[in-house]
Amino acid sequence: MIGRIAIGALIAVAASTGVGRAADPRYPDWPCAQAKVPEISLAAVWAGPPLDDIRDKWKEDTKISALVEKLAARRTPLDDAQKAITDFLAASAADKTNAGKLLFAGLFDALNAQRSSVMNGIERVTRKQREAAEKIRADTVALQAMQSASSSDQSKVDELSNQLLWETRIFEDRQRVVRFVCEVPTTIDQRLFALGRTIQQEME
């Protein structure tokens, strides 16, 4: 059961987490310290030949599509991904420039989509956390009122106390997950930049 002293701590839980206080008013559901950049800029990660002539053609090449899927997966170690690029482009000597452009165009599309999915997920969790914070506040105030009443049903007090403990635990667990996932878009940016640089080096 939650004691009276713990009531103030529960009221402070949601208030102290930063839920609902976005750094950039354009993105009210973005909770991360890192600024939200909705899409990766092509110019920031690619200094190779223009891609305008081949942007969606990579999807028509089954070999490149399969390689893009493998390289874009974060479970594929970066070193392995870079070696796969080197091997693929070495085998494409006759048309290395076009193959490199198609490969990067695919990676750019795939990793931008992956990144958007992660950011949308972060914002969905933020909205759930905001709702959870309000529920914790309301339940804490209700518990305080029950405990202050001259005659209260102890079984109901215990039930609400246990519910609050569970709600708070879930809330704090989600906050820890969000802090971890906030790093993922930057990791994706870095991966795309590194793979793009490898492609450019192999094309030279």
N, C-alpha and C. Protein backbone atom coordinates (compact mmCIF):
# COMPACT_ATOMS: atom_id res chain seq x y z
N MET A 1 0.84 -1.20 0.00
CA MET A 1 0.00 0.00 0.00
C MET A 1 0.88 1.26 0.00
N ILE A 2 0.44 2.27 -0.68
CA ILE A 2 1.19 3.52 -0.75
C ILE A 2 0.86 4.37 0.46
N GLY A 3 1.90 4.81 1.17
CA GLY A 3 1.70 5.67 2.33
C GLY A 3 1.48 7.10 1.94
N ARG A 4 1.10 7.89 2.92
CA ARG A 4 0.82 9.30 2.66
C ARG A 4 2.06 10.04 2.17
N ILE A 5 3.23 9.66 2.70
CA ILE A 5 4.45 10.35 2.31
C ILE A 5 4.75 10.15 0.82
N ALA A 6 4.35 8.97 0.30
CA ALA A 6 4.64 8.65 -1.11
C ALA A 6 3.72 9.38 -2.07
N ILE A 7 2.63 9.94 -1.60
CA ILE A 7 1.68 10.61 -2.48
C ILE A 7 2.35 11.72 -3.29
N GLY A 8 3.11 12.56 -2.59
CA GLY A 8 3.78 13.66 -3.28
C GLY A 8 4.73 13.16 -4.35
N ALA A 9 5.40 12.05 -4.07
CA ALA A 9 6.33 11.48 -5.06
C ALA A 9 5.59 11.04 -6.31
N LEU A 10 4.41 10.43 -6.11
CA LEU A 10 3.63 9.98 -7.26
C LEU A 10 3.13 11.16 -8.09
N ILE A 11 2.71 12.22 -7.41
CA ILE A 11 2.25 13.41 -8.15
C ILE A 11 3.39 13.98 -8.97
N ALA A 12 4.62 13.86 -8.45
CA ALA A 12 5.78 14.42 -9.15
C ALA A 12 6.26 13.57 -10.30
N VAL A 13 5.85 12.30 -10.35
CA VAL A 13 6.38 11.38 -11.37
C VAL A 13 6.21 11.93 -12.77
N ALA A 14 4.95 12.22 -13.15
CA ALA A 14 4.70 12.69 -14.51
C ALA A 14 5.30 14.05 -14.75
N ALA A 15 5.23 14.92 -13.75
CA ALA A 15 5.72 16.29 -13.91
C ALA A 15 7.22 16.33 -14.13
N SER A 16 7.94 15.36 -13.58
CA SER A 16 9.40 15.39 -13.65
C SER A 16 9.97 14.71 -14.87
N THR A 17 9.13 14.13 -15.71
CA THR A 17 9.64 13.34 -16.83
C THR A 17 9.83 14.13 -18.11
N GLY A 18 9.26 15.32 -18.19
CA GLY A 18 9.40 16.10 -19.41
C GLY A 18 8.32 15.80 -20.43
N VAL A 19 7.36 14.92 -20.10
CA VAL A 19 6.29 14.62 -21.04
C VAL A 19 5.48 15.88 -21.30
N GLY A 20 5.28 16.17 -22.58
CA GLY A 20 4.45 17.31 -22.94
C GLY A 20 5.21 18.62 -23.04
N ARG A 21 6.52 18.60 -22.79
CA ARG A 21 7.29 19.85 -22.90
C ARG A 21 8.31 19.69 -24.04
N ALA A 22 7.83 19.78 -25.25
CA ALA A 22 8.69 19.60 -26.41
C ALA A 22 9.62 20.81 -26.56
N ALA A 23 10.87 20.54 -26.97
CA ALA A 23 11.83 21.63 -27.16
C ALA A 23 11.46 22.47 -28.37
N ASP A 24 10.87 21.84 -29.39
CA ASP A 24 10.49 22.54 -30.61
C ASP A 24 8.97 22.55 -30.72
N PRO A 25 8.34 23.72 -30.65
CA PRO A 25 6.87 23.78 -30.69
C PRO A 25 6.27 23.23 -31.98
N ARG A 26 7.07 23.12 -33.03
CA ARG A 26 6.55 22.54 -34.28
C ARG A 26 6.24 21.06 -34.13
N TYR A 27 6.92 20.41 -33.18
CA TYR A 27 6.76 18.97 -32.99
C TYR A 27 6.41 18.70 -31.52
N PRO A 28 5.18 18.97 -31.12
CA PRO A 28 4.80 18.89 -29.70
C PRO A 28 4.92 17.49 -29.09
N ASP A 29 4.95 16.46 -29.92
CA ASP A 29 5.04 15.10 -29.39
C ASP A 29 6.46 14.54 -29.45
N TRP A 30 7.43 15.38 -29.81
CA TRP A 30 8.81 14.92 -29.91
C TRP A 30 9.52 15.15 -28.58
N PRO A 31 9.88 14.07 -27.84
CA PRO A 31 10.40 14.22 -26.49
C PRO A 31 11.93 14.21 -26.40
N CYS A 32 12.61 13.97 -27.50
CA CYS A 32 14.05 13.74 -27.45
C CYS A 32 14.85 15.04 -27.33
N ALA A 33 16.01 14.94 -26.70
CA ALA A 33 16.91 16.09 -26.62
C ALA A 33 17.44 16.44 -28.01
N GLN A 34 17.59 15.42 -28.85
CA GLN A 34 18.04 15.65 -30.22
C GLN A 34 16.93 16.36 -31.02
N ALA A 35 17.29 17.34 -31.80
CA ALA A 35 16.30 18.05 -32.61
C ALA A 35 15.67 17.08 -33.61
N LYS A 36 14.37 17.25 -33.84
CA LYS A 36 13.70 16.40 -34.83
C LYS A 36 13.95 16.95 -36.23
N VAL A 37 14.55 16.11 -37.07
CA VAL A 37 14.74 16.43 -38.49
C VAL A 37 13.94 15.36 -39.24
N PRO A 38 12.78 15.73 -39.79
CA PRO A 38 11.86 14.73 -40.35
C PRO A 38 12.48 13.82 -41.41
N GLU A 39 13.36 14.37 -42.25
CA GLU A 39 13.97 13.55 -43.31
C GLU A 39 15.46 13.85 -43.40
N ILE A 40 16.20 12.83 -43.79
CA ILE A 40 17.64 13.02 -44.03
C ILE A 40 17.80 13.81 -45.32
N SER A 41 18.66 14.79 -45.31
CA SER A 41 18.96 15.56 -46.52
C SER A 41 19.94 14.78 -47.39
N LEU A 42 19.62 14.63 -48.65
CA LEU A 42 20.51 13.90 -49.57
C LEU A 42 21.88 14.54 -49.61
N ALA A 43 21.92 15.87 -49.63
CA ALA A 43 23.20 16.58 -49.72
C ALA A 43 24.09 16.33 -48.49
N ALA A 44 23.47 16.00 -47.37
CA ALA A 44 24.24 15.79 -46.13
C ALA A 44 24.93 14.44 -46.10
N VAL A 45 24.48 13.51 -46.95
CA VAL A 45 25.04 12.15 -46.88
C VAL A 45 25.58 11.63 -48.22
N TRP A 46 25.48 12.44 -49.27
CA TRP A 46 25.90 11.96 -50.59
C TRP A 46 26.58 13.07 -51.37
N ALA A 47 27.82 12.81 -51.76
CA ALA A 47 28.56 13.77 -52.58
C ALA A 47 28.92 13.17 -53.93
N GLY A 48 28.25 12.06 -54.26
CA GLY A 48 28.51 11.38 -55.52
C GLY A 48 27.71 11.97 -56.66
N PRO A 49 27.63 11.25 -57.79
CA PRO A 49 26.90 11.73 -58.96
C PRO A 49 25.42 11.92 -58.65
N PRO A 50 24.75 12.83 -59.36
CA PRO A 50 23.31 13.06 -59.15
C PRO A 50 22.51 11.76 -59.30
N LEU A 51 21.42 11.66 -58.54
CA LEU A 51 20.61 10.45 -58.55
C LEU A 51 19.26 10.65 -59.25
N ASP A 52 19.04 11.85 -59.78
CA ASP A 52 17.73 12.18 -60.34
C ASP A 52 17.27 11.20 -61.42
N ASP A 53 18.20 10.67 -62.17
CA ASP A 53 17.83 9.82 -63.31
C ASP A 53 17.52 8.38 -62.91
N ILE A 54 17.80 8.01 -61.65
CA ILE A 54 17.62 6.60 -61.28
C ILE A 54 16.86 6.44 -59.96
N ARG A 55 16.22 7.46 -59.45
CA ARG A 55 15.73 7.45 -58.08
C ARG A 55 14.95 6.19 -57.68
N ASP A 56 14.00 5.73 -58.48
CA ASP A 56 13.20 4.57 -58.08
C ASP A 56 13.57 3.30 -58.85
N LYS A 57 14.54 3.39 -59.72
CA LYS A 57 14.88 2.23 -60.57
C LYS A 57 15.55 1.11 -59.80
N TRP A 58 16.08 1.42 -58.62
CA TRP A 58 16.73 0.36 -57.83
C TRP A 58 15.74 -0.74 -57.46
N LYS A 59 14.46 -0.39 -57.36
CA LYS A 59 13.44 -1.37 -57.00
C LYS A 59 13.24 -2.42 -58.10
N GLU A 60 13.64 -2.07 -59.32
CA GLU A 60 13.45 -2.98 -60.45
C GLU A 60 14.56 -4.03 -60.53
N ASP A 61 15.62 -3.86 -59.78
CA ASP A 61 16.75 -4.78 -59.80
C ASP A 61 16.68 -5.66 -58.54
N THR A 62 16.35 -6.94 -58.72
CA THR A 62 16.16 -7.81 -57.56
C THR A 62 17.43 -7.98 -56.74
N LYS A 63 18.58 -7.99 -57.40
CA LYS A 63 19.84 -8.17 -56.68
C LYS A 63 20.13 -6.95 -55.80
N ILE A 64 19.91 -5.76 -56.36
CA ILE A 64 20.15 -4.54 -55.59
C ILE A 64 19.11 -4.40 -54.48
N SER A 65 17.87 -4.73 -54.76
CA SER A 65 16.82 -4.65 -53.74
C SER A 65 17.15 -5.54 -52.54
N ALA A 66 17.63 -6.76 -52.83
CA ALA A 66 17.99 -7.69 -51.74
C ALA A 66 19.17 -7.15 -50.94
N LEU A 67 20.14 -6.57 -51.66
CA LEU A 67 21.32 -6.03 -50.97
C LEU A 67 20.94 -4.81 -50.12
N VAL A 68 20.07 -3.97 -50.64
CA VAL A 68 19.60 -2.80 -49.87
C VAL A 68 18.96 -3.25 -48.57
N GLU A 69 18.11 -4.27 -48.65
CA GLU A 69 17.44 -4.77 -47.45
C GLU A 69 18.46 -5.26 -46.41
N LYS A 70 19.49 -5.96 -46.88
CA LYS A 70 20.52 -6.47 -45.97
C LYS A 70 21.33 -5.32 -45.35
N LEU A 71 21.72 -4.36 -46.17
CA LEU A 71 22.57 -3.26 -45.69
C LEU A 71 21.81 -2.31 -44.78
N ALA A 72 20.52 -2.14 -45.03
CA ALA A 72 19.72 -1.21 -44.23
C ALA A 72 19.40 -1.77 -42.85
N ALA A 73 19.46 -3.09 -42.70
CA ALA A 73 19.11 -3.71 -41.42
C ALA A 73 20.18 -3.40 -40.37
N ARG A 74 19.77 -2.84 -39.24
CA ARG A 74 20.75 -2.48 -38.21
C ARG A 74 21.40 -3.70 -37.58
N ARG A 75 20.78 -4.87 -37.75
CA ARG A 75 21.40 -6.09 -37.22
C ARG A 75 22.63 -6.50 -38.03
N THR A 76 22.77 -5.96 -39.26
CA THR A 76 23.96 -6.23 -40.06
C THR A 76 25.07 -5.31 -39.59
N PRO A 77 26.16 -5.84 -39.03
CA PRO A 77 27.26 -4.98 -38.55
C PRO A 77 27.76 -4.08 -39.67
N LEU A 78 28.15 -2.86 -39.31
CA LEU A 78 28.57 -1.88 -40.31
C LEU A 78 29.75 -2.40 -41.14
N ASP A 79 30.71 -3.05 -40.50
CA ASP A 79 31.86 -3.59 -41.23
C ASP A 79 31.43 -4.61 -42.28
N ASP A 80 30.47 -5.46 -41.91
CA ASP A 80 29.97 -6.46 -42.86
C ASP A 80 29.24 -5.78 -44.01
N ALA A 81 28.49 -4.74 -43.70
CA ALA A 81 27.75 -4.02 -44.73
C ALA A 81 28.72 -3.36 -45.71
N GLN A 82 29.77 -2.75 -45.19
CA GLN A 82 30.76 -2.09 -46.05
C GLN A 82 31.48 -3.10 -46.94
N LYS A 83 31.79 -4.27 -46.39
CA LYS A 83 32.45 -5.32 -47.19
C LYS A 83 31.51 -5.82 -48.30
N ALA A 84 30.22 -5.94 -47.97
CA ALA A 84 29.25 -6.38 -48.98
C ALA A 84 29.16 -5.37 -50.12
N ILE A 85 29.26 -4.09 -49.79
CA ILE A 85 29.26 -3.05 -50.83
C ILE A 85 30.49 -3.18 -51.71
N THR A 86 31.65 -3.33 -51.07
CA THR A 86 32.90 -3.46 -51.82
C THR A 86 32.85 -4.66 -52.77
N ASP A 87 32.38 -5.80 -52.26
CA ASP A 87 32.30 -7.01 -53.09
C ASP A 87 31.31 -6.83 -54.23
N PHE A 88 30.17 -6.21 -53.93
CA PHE A 88 29.15 -6.03 -54.97
C PHE A 88 29.64 -5.11 -56.08
N LEU A 89 30.23 -4.00 -55.71
CA LEU A 89 30.68 -3.06 -56.74
C LEU A 89 31.90 -3.57 -57.49
N ALA A 90 32.72 -4.38 -56.84
CA ALA A 90 33.87 -4.98 -57.54
C ALA A 90 33.39 -5.91 -58.64
N ALA A 91 32.24 -6.56 -58.41
CA ALA A 91 31.67 -7.47 -59.40
C ALA A 91 30.86 -6.72 -60.46
N SER A 92 30.72 -5.41 -60.28
CA SER A 92 29.95 -4.60 -61.23
C SER A 92 30.86 -3.67 -62.01
N ALA A 93 32.07 -4.12 -62.26
CA ALA A 93 33.10 -3.26 -62.86
C ALA A 93 32.65 -2.61 -64.15
N ALA A 94 31.87 -3.32 -64.95
CA ALA A 94 31.47 -2.79 -66.25
C ALA A 94 30.57 -1.57 -66.11
N ASP A 95 29.80 -1.50 -65.06
CA ASP A 95 28.89 -0.38 -64.86
C ASP A 95 28.85 0.00 -63.39
N LYS A 96 30.03 0.21 -62.82
CA LYS A 96 30.14 0.45 -61.38
C LYS A 96 29.42 1.73 -60.94
N THR A 97 29.51 2.77 -61.77
CA THR A 97 28.88 4.03 -61.40
C THR A 97 27.38 3.90 -61.29
N ASN A 98 26.77 3.26 -62.27
CA ASN A 98 25.31 3.11 -62.24
C ASN A 98 24.89 2.20 -61.09
N ALA A 99 25.65 1.13 -60.88
CA ALA A 99 25.33 0.20 -59.79
C ALA A 99 25.43 0.92 -58.44
N GLY A 100 26.46 1.74 -58.29
CA GLY A 100 26.64 2.48 -57.05
C GLY A 100 25.52 3.47 -56.81
N LYS A 101 25.12 4.14 -57.86
CA LYS A 101 24.02 5.10 -57.74
C LYS A 101 22.72 4.40 -57.35
N LEU A 102 22.43 3.28 -58.00
CA LEU A 102 21.22 2.53 -57.69
C LEU A 102 21.24 2.04 -56.24
N LEU A 103 22.40 1.55 -55.82
CA LEU A 103 22.52 1.02 -54.47
C LEU A 103 22.31 2.12 -53.43
N PHE A 104 22.91 3.27 -53.66
CA PHE A 104 22.74 4.34 -52.68
C PHE A 104 21.31 4.89 -52.69
N ALA A 105 20.72 5.00 -53.87
CA ALA A 105 19.34 5.47 -53.95
C ALA A 105 18.42 4.56 -53.13
N GLY A 106 18.67 3.26 -53.22
CA GLY A 106 17.88 2.31 -52.45
C GLY A 106 18.11 2.47 -50.95
N LEU A 107 19.36 2.63 -50.56
CA LEU A 107 19.68 2.81 -49.15
C LEU A 107 19.08 4.11 -48.61
N PHE A 108 19.14 5.14 -49.40
CA PHE A 108 18.59 6.43 -48.98
C PHE A 108 17.09 6.30 -48.72
N ASP A 109 16.38 5.65 -49.65
CA ASP A 109 14.93 5.48 -49.47
C ASP A 109 14.63 4.58 -48.27
N ALA A 110 15.35 3.46 -48.17
CA ALA A 110 15.07 2.48 -47.12
C ALA A 110 15.37 3.04 -45.73
N LEU A 111 16.50 3.71 -45.57
CA LEU A 111 16.87 4.21 -44.26
C LEU A 111 16.05 5.44 -43.87
N ASN A 112 15.66 6.25 -44.83
CA ASN A 112 14.76 7.36 -44.52
C ASN A 112 13.42 6.83 -44.02
N ALA A 113 12.92 5.76 -44.68
CA ALA A 113 11.65 5.16 -44.27
C ALA A 113 11.77 4.54 -42.88
N GLN A 114 12.89 3.85 -42.65
CA GLN A 114 13.13 3.23 -41.34
C GLN A 114 13.18 4.29 -40.24
N ARG A 115 13.84 5.38 -40.54
CA ARG A 115 14.00 6.48 -39.60
C ARG A 115 12.65 7.13 -39.28
N SER A 116 11.84 7.35 -40.33
CA SER A 116 10.51 7.93 -40.12
C SER A 116 9.64 7.03 -39.25
N SER A 117 9.75 5.71 -39.48
CA SER A 117 8.99 4.76 -38.68
C SER A 117 9.38 4.83 -37.21
N VAL A 118 10.68 4.93 -36.94
CA VAL A 118 11.16 5.04 -35.56
C VAL A 118 10.64 6.32 -34.92
N MET A 119 10.73 7.44 -35.63
CA MET A 119 10.30 8.72 -35.07
C MET A 119 8.79 8.74 -34.83
N ASN A 120 8.03 8.15 -35.75
CA ASN A 120 6.58 8.08 -35.54
C ASN A 120 6.26 7.25 -34.30
N GLY A 121 7.03 6.17 -34.11
CA GLY A 121 6.84 5.33 -32.93
C GLY A 121 7.14 6.08 -31.64
N ILE A 122 8.21 6.86 -31.65
CA ILE A 122 8.57 7.67 -30.47
C ILE A 122 7.43 8.63 -30.13
N GLU A 123 6.87 9.26 -31.14
CA GLU A 123 5.80 10.24 -30.90
C GLU A 123 4.52 9.55 -30.43
N ARG A 124 4.25 8.34 -30.93
CA ARG A 124 3.08 7.59 -30.44
C ARG A 124 3.23 7.28 -28.95
N VAL A 125 4.44 6.85 -28.56
CA VAL A 125 4.68 6.54 -27.15
C VAL A 125 4.55 7.81 -26.30
N THR A 126 5.02 8.93 -26.82
CA THR A 126 4.91 10.20 -26.07
C THR A 126 3.45 10.54 -25.80
N ARG A 127 2.60 10.33 -26.80
CA ARG A 127 1.17 10.62 -26.59
C ARG A 127 0.59 9.67 -25.53
N LYS A 128 1.00 8.41 -25.57
CA LYS A 128 0.53 7.46 -24.55
C LYS A 128 1.04 7.87 -23.16
N GLN A 129 2.28 8.33 -23.11
CA GLN A 129 2.84 8.76 -21.83
C GLN A 129 2.11 9.97 -21.27
N ARG A 130 1.71 10.86 -22.14
CA ARG A 130 0.98 12.03 -21.67
C ARG A 130 -0.35 11.60 -21.05
N GLU A 131 -1.03 10.65 -21.71
CA GLU A 131 -2.28 10.13 -21.17
C GLU A 131 -2.03 9.40 -19.85
N ALA A 132 -0.94 8.63 -19.81
CA ALA A 132 -0.61 7.88 -18.59
C ALA A 132 -0.29 8.83 -17.44
N ALA A 133 0.39 9.93 -17.74
CA ALA A 133 0.74 10.91 -16.71
C ALA A 133 -0.52 11.52 -16.11
N GLU A 134 -1.49 11.83 -16.96
CA GLU A 134 -2.75 12.38 -16.46
C GLU A 134 -3.49 11.37 -15.59
N LYS A 135 -3.43 10.10 -15.99
CA LYS A 135 -4.09 9.05 -15.22
C LYS A 135 -3.42 8.91 -13.85
N ILE A 136 -2.10 8.97 -13.82
CA ILE A 136 -1.37 8.87 -12.54
C ILE A 136 -1.74 10.03 -11.64
N ARG A 137 -1.79 11.23 -12.21
CA ARG A 137 -2.16 12.40 -11.40
C ARG A 137 -3.57 12.23 -10.81
N ALA A 138 -4.51 11.84 -11.68
CA ALA A 138 -5.90 11.71 -11.24
C ALA A 138 -6.04 10.63 -10.18
N ASP A 139 -5.39 9.50 -10.40
CA ASP A 139 -5.49 8.40 -9.43
C ASP A 139 -4.80 8.75 -8.11
N THR A 140 -3.71 9.51 -8.20
CA THR A 140 -3.00 9.92 -6.98
C THR A 140 -3.86 10.87 -6.16
N VAL A 141 -4.51 11.81 -6.83
CA VAL A 141 -5.41 12.73 -6.12
C VAL A 141 -6.57 11.95 -5.49
N ALA A 142 -7.09 10.96 -6.23
CA ALA A 142 -8.19 10.15 -5.71
C ALA A 142 -7.73 9.35 -4.48
N LEU A 143 -6.53 8.81 -4.54
CA LEU A 143 -6.00 8.05 -3.41
C LEU A 143 -5.80 8.95 -2.19
N GLN A 144 -5.30 10.14 -2.45
CA GLN A 144 -5.10 11.09 -1.36
C GLN A 144 -6.42 11.42 -0.66
N ALA A 145 -7.45 11.59 -1.48
CA ALA A 145 -8.78 11.91 -0.92
C ALA A 145 -9.31 10.72 -0.10
N MET A 146 -9.10 9.52 -0.62
CA MET A 146 -9.57 8.34 0.09
C MET A 146 -8.85 8.18 1.43
N GLN A 147 -7.53 8.42 1.42
CA GLN A 147 -6.75 8.25 2.65
C GLN A 147 -7.07 9.34 3.69
N SER A 148 -7.53 10.49 3.20
CA SER A 148 -7.84 11.61 4.10
C SER A 148 -9.25 11.52 4.66
N ALA A 149 -10.07 10.68 4.07
CA ALA A 149 -11.46 10.58 4.51
C ALA A 149 -11.52 9.99 5.92
N SER A 150 -12.49 10.46 6.69
CA SER A 150 -12.64 9.98 8.07
C SER A 150 -12.98 8.49 8.11
N SER A 151 -13.73 8.05 7.14
CA SER A 151 -14.03 6.62 7.05
C SER A 151 -13.79 6.17 5.62
N SER A 152 -12.83 5.32 5.44
CA SER A 152 -12.51 4.87 4.08
C SER A 152 -12.48 3.35 4.04
N ASP A 153 -12.78 2.83 2.85
CA ASP A 153 -12.76 1.39 2.63
C ASP A 153 -11.32 0.98 2.37
N GLN A 154 -10.69 0.29 3.32
CA GLN A 154 -9.27 -0.03 3.22
C GLN A 154 -8.97 -0.92 2.02
N SER A 155 -9.90 -1.80 1.68
CA SER A 155 -9.66 -2.68 0.52
C SER A 155 -9.57 -1.87 -0.77
N LYS A 156 -10.41 -0.81 -0.87
CA LYS A 156 -10.37 0.05 -2.06
C LYS A 156 -9.09 0.90 -2.07
N VAL A 157 -8.67 1.34 -0.88
CA VAL A 157 -7.41 2.08 -0.79
C VAL A 157 -6.25 1.20 -1.26
N ASP A 158 -6.24 -0.04 -0.80
CA ASP A 158 -5.17 -0.95 -1.18
C ASP A 158 -5.19 -1.24 -2.68
N GLU A 159 -6.41 -1.40 -3.20
CA GLU A 159 -6.55 -1.70 -4.63
C GLU A 159 -6.03 -0.54 -5.48
N LEU A 160 -6.40 0.69 -5.13
CA LEU A 160 -5.94 1.85 -5.89
C LEU A 160 -4.43 2.07 -5.71
N SER A 161 -3.93 1.78 -4.51
CA SER A 161 -2.50 1.90 -4.26
C SER A 161 -1.71 0.97 -5.18
N ASN A 162 -2.16 -0.29 -5.26
CA ASN A 162 -1.48 -1.26 -6.12
C ASN A 162 -1.57 -0.87 -7.59
N GLN A 163 -2.73 -0.35 -7.97
CA GLN A 163 -2.91 0.10 -9.35
C GLN A 163 -1.94 1.24 -9.68
N LEU A 164 -1.79 2.17 -8.74
CA LEU A 164 -0.88 3.30 -8.95
C LEU A 164 0.57 2.84 -9.05
N LEU A 165 0.94 1.90 -8.23
CA LEU A 165 2.32 1.38 -8.29
C LEU A 165 2.58 0.76 -9.66
N TRP A 166 1.62 0.02 -10.16
CA TRP A 166 1.76 -0.63 -11.47
C TRP A 166 1.82 0.42 -12.59
N GLU A 167 0.91 1.39 -12.53
CA GLU A 167 0.89 2.45 -13.55
C GLU A 167 2.22 3.20 -13.57
N THR A 168 2.74 3.50 -12.38
CA THR A 168 3.99 4.26 -12.28
C THR A 168 5.16 3.46 -12.82
N ARG A 169 5.18 2.15 -12.52
CA ARG A 169 6.27 1.30 -13.01
C ARG A 169 6.28 1.25 -14.54
N ILE A 170 5.09 1.08 -15.13
CA ILE A 170 4.99 1.05 -16.60
C ILE A 170 5.43 2.38 -17.19
N PHE A 171 4.98 3.48 -16.57
CA PHE A 171 5.33 4.82 -17.04
C PHE A 171 6.85 5.00 -17.06
N GLU A 172 7.50 4.65 -15.97
CA GLU A 172 8.95 4.85 -15.86
C GLU A 172 9.71 3.93 -16.80
N ASP A 173 9.21 2.70 -16.99
CA ASP A 173 9.86 1.78 -17.94
C ASP A 173 9.79 2.34 -19.36
N ARG A 174 8.64 2.88 -19.72
CA ARG A 174 8.50 3.48 -21.06
C ARG A 174 9.45 4.66 -21.23
N GLN A 175 9.60 5.46 -20.18
CA GLN A 175 10.49 6.62 -20.27
C GLN A 175 11.93 6.18 -20.55
N ARG A 176 12.34 5.09 -19.90
CA ARG A 176 13.70 4.58 -20.13
C ARG A 176 13.86 4.10 -21.57
N VAL A 177 12.83 3.43 -22.08
CA VAL A 177 12.88 2.95 -23.47
C VAL A 177 12.95 4.11 -24.44
N VAL A 178 12.15 5.16 -24.20
CA VAL A 178 12.14 6.33 -25.08
C VAL A 178 13.53 6.97 -25.13
N ARG A 179 14.17 7.11 -23.96
CA ARG A 179 15.51 7.72 -23.93
C ARG A 179 16.49 6.92 -24.78
N PHE A 180 16.35 5.59 -24.77
CA PHE A 180 17.22 4.74 -25.59
C PHE A 180 16.90 4.90 -27.08
N VAL A 181 15.60 4.84 -27.40
CA VAL A 181 15.19 4.89 -28.81
C VAL A 181 15.46 6.26 -29.43
N CYS A 182 15.53 7.30 -28.61
CA CYS A 182 15.84 8.64 -29.13
C CYS A 182 17.19 8.66 -29.86
N GLU A 183 18.07 7.74 -29.53
CA GLU A 183 19.39 7.69 -30.17
C GLU A 183 19.33 7.06 -31.57
N VAL A 184 18.26 6.31 -31.85
CA VAL A 184 18.22 5.52 -33.09
C VAL A 184 18.24 6.37 -34.37
N PRO A 185 17.44 7.47 -34.48
CA PRO A 185 17.53 8.25 -35.72
C PRO A 185 18.94 8.73 -36.03
N THR A 186 19.68 9.15 -35.01
CA THR A 186 21.07 9.59 -35.23
C THR A 186 21.93 8.42 -35.69
N THR A 187 21.70 7.25 -35.12
CA THR A 187 22.44 6.05 -35.53
C THR A 187 22.17 5.73 -37.00
N ILE A 188 20.92 5.90 -37.42
CA ILE A 188 20.56 5.66 -38.82
C ILE A 188 21.25 6.67 -39.73
N ASP A 189 21.25 7.95 -39.32
CA ASP A 189 21.95 8.99 -40.09
C ASP A 189 23.42 8.59 -40.29
N GLN A 190 24.05 8.19 -39.22
CA GLN A 190 25.48 7.85 -39.27
C GLN A 190 25.72 6.64 -40.15
N ARG A 191 24.82 5.67 -40.09
CA ARG A 191 24.96 4.47 -40.92
C ARG A 191 24.84 4.82 -42.40
N LEU A 192 23.86 5.63 -42.74
CA LEU A 192 23.67 6.01 -44.14
C LEU A 192 24.88 6.78 -44.65
N PHE A 193 25.40 7.71 -43.84
CA PHE A 193 26.56 8.48 -44.24
C PHE A 193 27.76 7.57 -44.49
N ALA A 194 27.99 6.62 -43.57
CA ALA A 194 29.13 5.72 -43.69
C ALA A 194 29.01 4.82 -44.92
N LEU A 195 27.82 4.29 -45.16
CA LEU A 195 27.62 3.42 -46.33
C LEU A 195 27.72 4.21 -47.62
N GLY A 196 27.20 5.43 -47.61
CA GLY A 196 27.32 6.28 -48.80
C GLY A 196 28.76 6.59 -49.12
N ARG A 197 29.55 6.85 -48.09
CA ARG A 197 30.97 7.14 -48.30
C ARG A 197 31.69 5.92 -48.88
N THR A 198 31.34 4.73 -48.40
CA THR A 198 31.95 3.51 -48.93
C THR A 198 31.60 3.33 -50.40
N ILE A 199 30.34 3.57 -50.75
CA ILE A 199 29.92 3.45 -52.15
C ILE A 199 30.70 4.44 -53.03
N GLN A 200 30.81 5.68 -52.56
CA GLN A 200 31.54 6.69 -53.35
C GLN A 200 33.01 6.30 -53.53
N GLN A 201 33.61 5.80 -52.48
CA GLN A 201 35.03 5.42 -52.58
C GLN A 201 35.20 4.27 -53.59
N GLU A 202 34.27 3.33 -53.60
CA GLU A 202 34.38 2.19 -54.52
C GLU A 202 34.06 2.59 -55.97
N MET A 203 33.32 3.69 -56.12
CA MET A 203 32.98 4.16 -57.47
C MET A 203 34.11 4.93 -58.11
N GLU A 204 35.04 5.43 -57.29
CA GLU A 204 36.10 6.30 -57.81
C GLU A 204 37.14 5.49 -58.60
